[in-house]
Amino acid sequence: MMNRKQIALGAAGLLSVAVVAAGCGSSSSTGKVSSPSSNTVDIFSWWTGTASSKALNTFFEAFKAQYPNVKVVNDAVAGGAGSNAKAVLASRMNAGKPPSTFQVHVGNGSLKSWVEAGKLQPLNSLFKQQGWYSDYPKSLLNLAMFNGKIYAVPVDMQRANVLWYNTKIFKQYNLTPPTSWSQFISEAKILKQHGITPLAVANHGNWETTLLWSDILLGTVGYKNYDAILDGKIPLNSAGVKQASETYLEVMKYTNSNASSLHWAQADQMVAQGQAAMNVMGDWAAGYFTTTAGLTPGQQFGWAPTPGTKGVFAAVSDAFGLPTGLTGTAKTNAIDFLKVLGSNAGQAKFNPLKGTFSPRLDANPAQYNAYSKSAMKSYKKDPLVLIPGQGALNPGFTTALENAMSQFTASGNVNQFVQALQSAASANPLN
């Protein structure tokens, strides 16, 4: 069995070699790898899409206004919803060339792995200095805290259990957002009869179908059993997992045939342009619909919790940490950028463009559109769960899960799939 340090520094490092060999490593916006010098701050992320890059730029502008003598280097890496970036980051960290700060999801995934590998510095003093312990909900801070030390600054909150739909198509065929997967199937049959793709799916990076399966699992077993499955308290070959997997196969009968060639935003584009009626995606999709496609929430696109998940918030929160090894001016610059990332003013400009919302307790709902306001309400009152691939589980198991999902989608063999999950759990700790 591999431990977390081996997973973070070994498996991810080997993956980075494959990524660079495939040509993905050159997608960094700077085009080269370098460590921060005394007059620069080097920001590493996977935010390269139209909405996310515009949003990220607001942090850069805010930092430049406060620290005009420090150059901001955008080292964003495109592709794979962060998988390419994580591989390149592992290569840099292994080579002793960390960025000033880097993007990570809170939870028991890569953040915990980097902490256990000794590659992140605790930020307790910064949180105390900035008053952030009272600015963020404790439930969120706990997801960035290990052994009493906090290691990352949350910058957004995203909901992963969202079904997006084209309001014009739904009105035309008198449809309502499905609250169960059986209702989805019934409505999908109607749409298919009229030549409309019921559900747009992208799976260029494997994580997209993993997200869909996770949402189906959540809606099938309920959030308490879902958490128990992710904690290893309910086996991965349980009746609920098998039932959700069968439902997944049924749902996939009503999707586009070119899913493997599409990135997530292209699936959302199908919904925006009326080529498909629905899409299951996190609320970064809202950033595409509003910032990229220029659509009005509630008028040209609608949303609902994925079937069976009403009253539950599947949380994904991006955060940034402070790598070990930074000292002197380089460390000071990095901390100053973290101050901007964690500020109310910085997050108020960043999140509306990205389609997400600020997780701070003093975030103003009036600064957000109709969708984000509804998500904020759920976030504040509903139980939170995490999603595989987006912070819930360790990277080793997550990679195995996504590979198993790819094979399962092609084969349709449920028993083979759950056996692959059990084998992955035996080889890798879930969290």
Protein backbone atom coordinates (compact mmCIF):
# COMPACT_ATOMS: atom_id res chain seq x y z
CA MET A 1 0.00 0.00 0.00
CA MET A 2 1.31 3.44 -0.92
CA ASN A 3 1.28 6.15 1.73
CA ARG A 4 0.25 9.72 1.00
CA LYS A 5 3.78 11.05 0.70
CA GLN A 6 4.55 8.49 -1.97
CA ILE A 7 1.32 9.35 -3.75
CA ALA A 8 1.99 13.09 -3.75
CA LEU A 9 5.65 12.96 -4.67
CA GLY A 10 5.89 9.69 -6.53
CA ALA A 11 2.82 8.91 -8.60
CA ALA A 12 2.04 12.53 -9.38
CA GLY A 13 5.67 13.14 -10.27
CA LEU A 14 5.67 10.23 -12.72
CA LEU A 15 2.42 11.56 -14.19
CA SER A 16 4.04 14.91 -14.77
CA VAL A 17 6.64 13.26 -16.99
CA ALA A 18 3.87 11.78 -19.12
CA VAL A 19 2.09 15.12 -19.33
CA VAL A 20 5.16 17.00 -20.43
CA ALA A 21 6.00 14.27 -22.91
CA ALA A 22 2.53 14.65 -24.37
CA GLY A 23 3.10 18.35 -24.84
CA CYS A 24 0.70 19.50 -22.12
CA GLY A 25 3.41 21.06 -20.00
CA SER A 26 3.87 23.87 -22.48
CA SER A 27 0.36 25.18 -21.87
CA SER A 28 1.49 27.36 -18.98
CA SER A 29 0.72 30.96 -19.76
CA THR A 30 4.34 31.90 -19.11
CA GLY A 31 5.69 29.08 -21.26
CA LYS A 32 8.50 28.22 -18.85
CA VAL A 33 9.11 26.90 -15.37
CA SER A 34 10.81 29.13 -12.86
CA SER A 35 10.87 29.77 -9.14
CA PRO A 36 9.80 33.17 -7.83
CA SER A 37 12.55 35.76 -7.64
CA SER A 38 12.67 38.56 -5.09
CA ASN A 39 10.61 40.97 -7.23
CA THR A 40 7.99 38.52 -8.50
CA VAL A 41 5.06 36.52 -7.25
CA ASP A 42 4.43 33.33 -9.22
CA ILE A 43 0.79 32.14 -9.17
CA PHE A 44 0.14 28.54 -10.20
CA SER A 45 -3.36 27.39 -11.12
CA TRP A 46 -5.44 25.63 -13.78
CA TRP A 47 -7.63 28.68 -14.43
CA THR A 48 -7.20 29.21 -18.16
CA GLY A 49 -10.82 29.27 -19.39
CA THR A 50 -12.45 32.53 -20.41
CA ALA A 51 -14.44 33.05 -17.22
CA SER A 52 -11.84 31.74 -14.78
CA SER A 53 -8.94 33.64 -16.35
CA LYS A 54 -10.92 36.89 -16.30
CA ALA A 55 -11.73 36.24 -12.68
CA LEU A 56 -8.12 35.41 -11.79
CA ASN A 57 -7.00 38.65 -13.39
CA THR A 58 -9.02 40.61 -10.81
CA PHE A 59 -6.76 39.23 -8.09
CA PHE A 60 -3.72 40.23 -10.13
CA GLU A 61 -5.05 43.76 -10.54
CA ALA A 62 -5.84 44.08 -6.86
CA PHE A 63 -2.35 42.88 -5.92
CA LYS A 64 -0.65 45.23 -8.38
CA ALA A 65 -2.59 48.17 -6.96
CA GLN A 66 -1.26 47.41 -3.48
CA TYR A 67 2.21 46.19 -4.45
CA PRO A 68 3.13 47.96 -7.73
CA ASN A 69 6.82 47.03 -7.51
CA VAL A 70 6.20 43.28 -7.50
CA LYS A 71 5.70 41.54 -10.85
CA VAL A 72 2.87 39.00 -11.06
CA VAL A 73 3.66 35.86 -13.08
CA ASN A 74 0.62 33.84 -14.19
CA ASP A 75 1.76 30.23 -14.37
CA ALA A 76 -1.64 28.71 -15.18
CA VAL A 77 -1.62 25.31 -16.89
CA ALA A 78 -4.54 24.33 -19.11
CA GLY A 79 -6.26 21.00 -19.57
CA GLY A 80 -7.84 18.16 -17.66
CA ALA A 81 -9.69 20.33 -15.12
CA GLY A 82 -6.48 20.61 -13.15
CA SER A 83 -5.01 17.16 -13.78
CA ASN A 84 -2.33 18.57 -16.09
CA ALA A 85 -1.58 21.40 -13.66
CA LYS A 86 -1.29 19.00 -10.72
CA ALA A 87 1.21 16.89 -12.66
CA VAL A 88 3.34 19.88 -13.64
CA LEU A 89 3.16 21.15 -10.06
CA ALA A 90 4.41 17.81 -8.74
CA SER A 91 7.37 18.00 -11.12
CA ARG A 92 8.23 21.50 -9.93
CA MET A 93 7.89 20.63 -6.27
CA ASN A 94 10.05 17.53 -6.71
CA ALA A 95 12.68 19.68 -8.44
CA GLY A 96 12.68 22.17 -5.57
CA LYS A 97 11.17 24.93 -7.74
CA PRO A 98 7.86 25.71 -6.08
CA PRO A 99 5.68 28.63 -7.19
CA SER A 100 4.84 31.38 -4.73
CA THR A 101 1.44 29.78 -4.19
CA PHE A 102 -0.67 27.18 -5.94
CA GLN A 103 -4.30 26.19 -6.35
CA VAL A 104 -5.64 23.17 -4.51
CA HIS A 105 -9.04 21.88 -3.38
CA VAL A 106 -9.71 21.80 0.35
CA GLY A 107 -10.37 18.39 1.84
CA ASN A 108 -8.67 15.01 2.01
CA GLY A 109 -7.34 15.04 -1.54
CA SER A 110 -4.17 16.66 -2.82
CA LEU A 111 -4.13 19.30 -0.06
CA LYS A 112 -3.75 16.63 2.60
CA SER A 113 -1.16 14.83 0.51
CA TRP A 114 0.97 17.97 0.16
CA VAL A 115 0.68 18.62 3.89
CA GLU A 116 1.74 15.09 4.79
CA ALA A 117 4.61 15.35 2.31
CA GLY A 118 5.87 18.40 4.22
CA LYS A 119 5.50 20.69 1.21
CA LEU A 120 3.20 23.35 2.70
CA GLN A 121 3.72 25.81 5.53
CA PRO A 122 0.99 26.36 8.15
CA LEU A 123 -0.87 29.67 7.92
CA ASN A 124 -2.25 30.01 11.44
CA SER A 125 -0.43 33.28 12.11
CA LEU A 126 -1.72 34.78 8.85
CA PHE A 127 -5.31 33.75 9.63
CA LYS A 128 -5.02 35.27 13.11
CA GLN A 129 -3.46 38.48 11.78
CA GLN A 130 -6.16 38.92 9.12
CA GLY A 131 -9.04 37.91 11.41
CA TRP A 132 -9.99 35.09 9.05
CA TYR A 133 -10.87 32.61 11.79
CA SER A 134 -14.10 34.53 12.29
CA ASP A 135 -14.57 35.44 8.62
CA TYR A 136 -14.92 31.85 7.38
CA PRO A 137 -17.28 29.15 8.66
CA LYS A 138 -15.58 26.61 10.89
CA SER A 139 -16.90 23.76 8.74
CA LEU A 140 -14.89 25.08 5.80
CA LEU A 141 -11.74 25.86 7.79
CA ASN A 142 -11.78 22.30 9.12
CA LEU A 143 -11.39 21.08 5.53
CA ALA A 144 -8.12 23.02 5.23
CA MET A 145 -6.86 22.11 8.69
CA PHE A 146 -4.78 19.12 9.77
CA ASN A 147 -3.60 18.49 13.34
CA GLY A 148 -4.73 21.96 14.36
CA LYS A 149 -2.80 23.75 11.62
CA ILE A 150 -4.43 25.44 8.65
CA TYR A 151 -2.67 25.19 5.31
CA ALA A 152 -4.72 26.98 2.65
CA VAL A 153 -6.76 30.14 2.03
CA PRO A 154 -10.19 29.40 0.49
CA VAL A 155 -11.11 31.80 -2.32
CA ASP A 156 -14.42 30.43 -3.60
CA MET A 157 -17.26 28.03 -2.98
CA GLN A 158 -18.71 25.89 -5.73
CA ARG A 159 -21.61 23.48 -5.84
CA ALA A 160 -20.99 20.24 -7.70
CA ASN A 161 -24.51 18.74 -7.66
CA VAL A 162 -26.22 20.98 -10.22
CA LEU A 163 -28.34 20.09 -13.22
CA TRP A 164 -28.34 22.90 -15.79
CA TYR A 165 -31.03 23.17 -18.43
CA ASN A 166 -32.07 25.17 -21.45
CA THR A 167 -35.20 27.05 -20.38
CA LYS A 168 -36.50 27.46 -23.94
CA ILE A 169 -36.40 23.71 -24.59
CA PHE A 170 -38.04 22.91 -21.24
CA LYS A 171 -40.83 25.40 -21.92
CA GLN A 172 -41.36 24.13 -25.46
CA TYR A 173 -41.89 20.54 -24.30
CA ASN A 174 -43.57 21.36 -20.95
CA LEU A 175 -40.78 19.80 -18.91
CA THR A 176 -39.81 20.45 -15.31
CA PRO A 177 -36.37 19.92 -13.74
CA PRO A 178 -36.30 16.23 -12.77
CA THR A 179 -36.24 15.47 -9.05
CA SER A 180 -35.53 11.77 -9.61
CA TRP A 181 -33.56 9.84 -12.18
CA SER A 182 -36.71 7.99 -13.22
CA GLN A 183 -38.29 11.35 -14.07
CA PHE A 184 -35.13 12.26 -15.97
CA ILE A 185 -35.44 9.08 -18.06
CA SER A 186 -39.09 9.85 -18.85
CA GLU A 187 -38.24 13.38 -19.99
CA ALA A 188 -35.16 12.19 -21.85
CA LYS A 189 -37.31 9.88 -23.94
CA ILE A 190 -39.50 12.82 -24.98
CA LEU A 191 -36.48 14.92 -25.93
CA LYS A 192 -34.86 12.09 -27.85
CA GLN A 193 -38.05 11.59 -29.88
CA HIS A 194 -37.75 15.22 -31.00
CA GLY A 195 -34.11 14.93 -32.02
CA ILE A 196 -32.69 16.78 -28.99
CA THR A 197 -29.80 15.38 -26.97
CA PRO A 198 -31.27 15.06 -23.46
CA LEU A 199 -28.01 15.31 -21.50
CA ALA A 200 -24.80 16.88 -22.78
CA VAL A 201 -21.76 15.07 -21.39
CA ALA A 202 -18.06 15.84 -21.74
CA ASN A 203 -15.42 13.35 -20.72
CA HIS A 204 -12.16 14.49 -22.20
CA GLY A 205 -10.48 14.16 -18.81
CA ASN A 206 -12.48 11.30 -17.22
CA TRP A 207 -13.36 13.51 -14.23
CA GLU A 208 -16.60 14.69 -15.84
CA THR A 209 -18.30 11.28 -15.88
CA THR A 210 -16.87 10.64 -12.41
CA LEU A 211 -18.69 13.77 -11.25
CA LEU A 212 -21.92 12.59 -12.90
CA TRP A 213 -21.61 9.15 -11.27
CA SER A 214 -20.84 10.74 -7.89
CA ASP A 215 -23.96 12.90 -8.11
CA ILE A 216 -26.05 9.88 -9.04
CA LEU A 217 -24.56 7.98 -6.09
CA LEU A 218 -25.35 10.89 -3.75
CA GLY A 219 -28.95 11.03 -4.97
CA THR A 220 -29.33 7.25 -4.73
CA VAL A 221 -28.02 6.52 -1.23
CA GLY A 222 -28.47 9.88 0.54
CA TYR A 223 -25.76 12.07 1.99
CA LYS A 224 -25.18 10.07 5.20
CA ASN A 225 -24.58 6.80 3.39
CA TYR A 226 -22.65 8.67 0.70
CA ASP A 227 -20.25 10.02 3.33
CA ALA A 228 -19.99 6.55 4.86
CA ILE A 229 -19.02 5.12 1.47
CA LEU A 230 -16.31 7.74 1.00
CA ASP A 231 -15.07 7.07 4.53
CA GLY A 232 -14.83 3.35 3.84
CA LYS A 233 -17.57 2.49 6.37
CA ILE A 234 -19.85 1.09 3.67
CA PRO A 235 -18.15 -1.16 1.11
CA LEU A 236 -17.78 -0.07 -2.49
CA ASN A 237 -19.59 -3.19 -3.66
CA SER A 238 -22.70 -2.38 -1.61
CA ALA A 239 -26.20 -2.47 -3.10
CA GLY A 240 -26.37 1.34 -3.22
CA VAL A 241 -23.16 1.65 -5.24
CA LYS A 242 -24.36 -1.01 -7.67
CA GLN A 243 -27.78 0.62 -8.01
CA ALA A 244 -26.23 4.03 -8.71
CA SER A 245 -23.93 2.46 -11.28
CA GLU A 246 -26.86 0.82 -13.05
CA THR A 247 -28.65 4.18 -13.10
CA TYR A 248 -25.54 5.80 -14.53
CA LEU A 249 -25.53 3.35 -17.43
CA GLU A 250 -29.22 4.07 -18.10
CA VAL A 251 -28.61 7.84 -18.03
CA MET A 252 -25.69 7.53 -20.45
CA LYS A 253 -28.07 6.13 -23.08
CA TYR A 254 -29.43 9.66 -23.46
CA THR A 255 -26.15 11.52 -23.98
CA ASN A 256 -24.09 12.68 -26.93
CA SER A 257 -21.87 10.14 -28.66
CA ASN A 258 -18.82 12.43 -28.83
CA ALA A 259 -18.44 12.93 -25.07
CA SER A 260 -14.86 11.65 -24.95
CA SER A 261 -13.70 14.44 -27.27
CA LEU A 262 -15.40 17.30 -25.43
CA HIS A 263 -14.17 19.50 -22.59
CA TRP A 264 -16.71 20.47 -19.92
CA ALA A 265 -17.36 23.95 -21.37
CA GLN A 266 -18.22 22.40 -24.74
CA ALA A 267 -20.95 20.35 -23.10
CA ASP A 268 -22.31 23.53 -21.55
CA GLN A 269 -22.11 25.17 -24.96
CA MET A 270 -24.42 22.47 -26.31
CA VAL A 271 -27.01 23.47 -23.71
CA ALA A 272 -26.50 27.18 -24.31
CA GLN A 273 -26.99 26.76 -28.07
CA GLY A 274 -30.01 24.48 -27.76
CA GLN A 275 -28.26 21.36 -29.06
CA ALA A 276 -28.87 19.64 -25.72
CA ALA A 277 -31.43 20.15 -23.00
CA MET A 278 -29.42 19.45 -19.83
CA ASN A 279 -25.95 19.08 -18.36
CA VAL A 280 -24.69 17.97 -14.95
CA MET A 281 -21.73 20.06 -13.90
CA GLY A 282 -20.42 22.09 -10.99
CA ASP A 283 -21.36 25.74 -10.86
CA TRP A 284 -18.24 26.79 -12.69
CA ALA A 285 -20.70 26.15 -15.52
CA ALA A 286 -22.51 29.28 -14.37
CA GLY A 287 -19.34 31.20 -15.18
CA TYR A 288 -19.46 29.80 -18.70
CA PHE A 289 -23.15 30.58 -19.18
CA THR A 290 -22.89 34.16 -17.89
CA THR A 291 -19.34 35.37 -18.55
CA THR A 292 -18.52 33.42 -21.72
CA ALA A 293 -21.91 32.85 -23.37
CA GLY A 294 -23.50 36.05 -22.05
CA LEU A 295 -26.71 34.35 -20.91
CA THR A 296 -29.03 35.62 -18.18
CA PRO A 297 -29.60 33.20 -15.28
CA GLY A 298 -33.21 32.24 -14.79
CA GLN A 299 -34.14 33.42 -18.27
CA GLN A 300 -31.90 31.69 -20.81
CA PHE A 301 -30.68 28.91 -18.56
CA GLY A 302 -32.03 27.30 -15.43
CA TRP A 303 -30.72 25.06 -12.69
CA ALA A 304 -31.77 22.58 -10.04
CA PRO A 305 -30.05 20.15 -7.68
CA THR A 306 -29.17 16.94 -9.47
CA PRO A 307 -32.00 14.39 -9.05
CA GLY A 308 -32.35 13.15 -5.49
CA THR A 309 -29.90 15.66 -3.96
CA LYS A 310 -32.18 18.52 -2.92
CA GLY A 311 -31.19 19.74 0.54
CA VAL A 312 -27.54 18.71 0.15
CA PHE A 313 -24.61 20.90 -0.95
CA ALA A 314 -21.79 19.06 -2.73
CA ALA A 315 -18.95 21.44 -1.96
CA VAL A 316 -15.84 22.23 -3.98
CA SER A 317 -13.62 25.01 -2.69
CA ASP A 318 -10.47 26.26 -4.37
CA ALA A 319 -7.75 27.41 -2.01
CA PHE A 320 -4.12 28.49 -2.14
CA GLY A 321 -1.25 27.46 0.12
CA LEU A 322 2.28 28.56 0.97
CA PRO A 323 4.99 26.15 -0.21
CA THR A 324 7.84 25.27 2.10
CA GLY A 325 11.22 26.51 0.98
CA LEU A 326 10.12 30.10 0.39
CA THR A 327 12.08 32.56 2.49
CA GLY A 328 12.82 36.26 2.69
CA THR A 329 11.24 38.53 0.09
CA ALA A 330 9.86 35.60 -1.90
CA LYS A 331 7.92 34.43 1.14
CA THR A 332 6.75 37.95 1.95
CA ASN A 333 5.44 38.43 -1.59
CA ALA A 334 3.62 35.13 -1.44
CA ILE A 335 1.97 36.00 1.88
CA ASP A 336 0.96 39.40 0.55
CA PHE A 337 -0.75 37.70 -2.39
CA LEU A 338 -2.54 35.33 -0.01
CA LYS A 339 -3.85 38.39 1.83
CA VAL A 340 -5.45 39.61 -1.40
CA LEU A 341 -6.87 36.15 -2.12
CA GLY A 342 -8.51 35.94 1.29
CA SER A 343 -9.88 39.48 1.37
CA ASN A 344 -13.56 40.32 1.13
CA ALA A 345 -12.86 42.94 -1.57
CA GLY A 346 -10.76 40.55 -3.65
CA GLN A 347 -13.27 37.71 -3.53
CA ALA A 348 -16.19 40.04 -4.27
CA LYS A 349 -14.65 40.86 -7.67
CA PHE A 350 -13.32 37.40 -8.43
CA ASN A 351 -16.30 35.15 -7.76
CA PRO A 352 -19.11 36.78 -9.78
CA LEU A 353 -17.00 36.51 -12.94
CA LYS A 354 -16.12 32.88 -12.26
CA GLY A 355 -19.71 31.85 -11.52
CA THR A 356 -18.89 30.95 -7.93
CA PHE A 357 -19.39 32.81 -4.66
CA SER A 358 -17.26 33.85 -1.75
CA PRO A 359 -17.28 31.42 1.19
CA ARG A 360 -16.66 34.28 3.63
CA LEU A 361 -19.40 34.88 6.19
CA ASP A 362 -19.47 38.60 5.34
CA ALA A 363 -19.99 38.02 1.60
CA ASN A 364 -22.76 40.24 0.25
CA PRO A 365 -25.46 38.30 -1.67
CA ALA A 366 -26.43 41.51 -3.49
CA GLN A 367 -23.17 41.28 -5.45
CA TYR A 368 -24.22 38.00 -7.05
CA ASN A 369 -26.67 36.86 -9.69
CA ALA A 370 -29.80 34.80 -9.14
CA TYR A 371 -28.01 31.46 -9.41
CA SER A 372 -25.24 32.32 -6.95
CA LYS A 373 -27.77 33.70 -4.47
CA SER A 374 -29.62 30.39 -4.51
CA ALA A 375 -26.36 28.46 -4.07
CA MET A 376 -25.35 30.68 -1.15
CA LYS A 377 -28.64 29.90 0.62
CA SER A 378 -28.08 26.16 0.25
CA TYR A 379 -24.47 26.47 1.39
CA LYS A 380 -25.49 28.20 4.60
CA LYS A 381 -28.27 25.79 5.60
CA ASP A 382 -27.72 22.37 3.98
CA PRO A 383 -25.26 19.61 4.97
CA LEU A 384 -21.99 19.70 3.01
CA VAL A 385 -20.42 16.72 1.29
CA LEU A 386 -17.26 16.48 -0.79
CA ILE A 387 -16.88 15.03 -4.28
CA PRO A 388 -14.28 12.48 -5.53
CA GLY A 389 -11.77 14.23 -7.76
CA GLN A 390 -12.62 17.59 -6.21
CA GLY A 391 -11.08 17.23 -2.77
CA ALA A 392 -12.88 14.29 -1.12
CA LEU A 393 -10.42 11.45 -1.63
CA ASN A 394 -6.69 10.96 -1.92
CA PRO A 395 -5.11 11.36 -5.37
CA GLY A 396 -4.13 7.72 -5.75
CA PHE A 397 -7.66 6.42 -5.30
CA THR A 398 -9.11 9.28 -7.34
CA THR A 399 -6.92 8.42 -10.33
CA ALA A 400 -7.91 4.76 -10.06
CA LEU A 401 -11.59 5.73 -9.82
CA GLU A 402 -11.42 7.92 -12.92
CA ASN A 403 -9.65 5.17 -14.86
CA ALA A 404 -12.26 2.67 -13.71
CA MET A 405 -15.02 5.08 -14.78
CA SER A 406 -13.54 5.26 -18.27
CA GLN A 407 -13.51 1.48 -18.57
CA PHE A 408 -16.97 1.16 -17.02
CA THR A 409 -18.47 3.69 -19.41
CA ALA A 410 -17.13 1.66 -22.32
CA SER A 411 -17.91 -1.83 -21.00
CA GLY A 412 -21.11 -1.33 -19.02
CA ASN A 413 -20.02 -4.08 -16.62
CA VAL A 414 -21.17 -3.10 -13.13
CA ASN A 415 -19.60 -6.04 -11.29
CA GLN A 416 -16.26 -5.42 -12.96
CA PHE A 417 -16.50 -1.73 -12.04
CA VAL A 418 -17.20 -2.22 -8.34
CA GLN A 419 -14.44 -4.84 -8.19
CA ALA A 420 -12.05 -2.24 -9.65
CA LEU A 421 -13.16 0.22 -6.96
CA GLN A 422 -12.52 -2.31 -4.21
CA SER A 423 -9.08 -3.08 -5.61
CA ALA A 424 -8.29 0.64 -5.77
CA ALA A 425 -9.37 1.10 -2.15
CA SER A 426 -7.15 -1.82 -1.09
CA ALA A 427 -4.15 -0.25 -2.82
CA ASN A 428 -4.81 3.35 -1.71
CA PRO A 429 -6.28 4.87 1.45
CA LEU A 430 -9.58 6.61 0.64
CA ASN A 431 -8.74 9.66 2.76
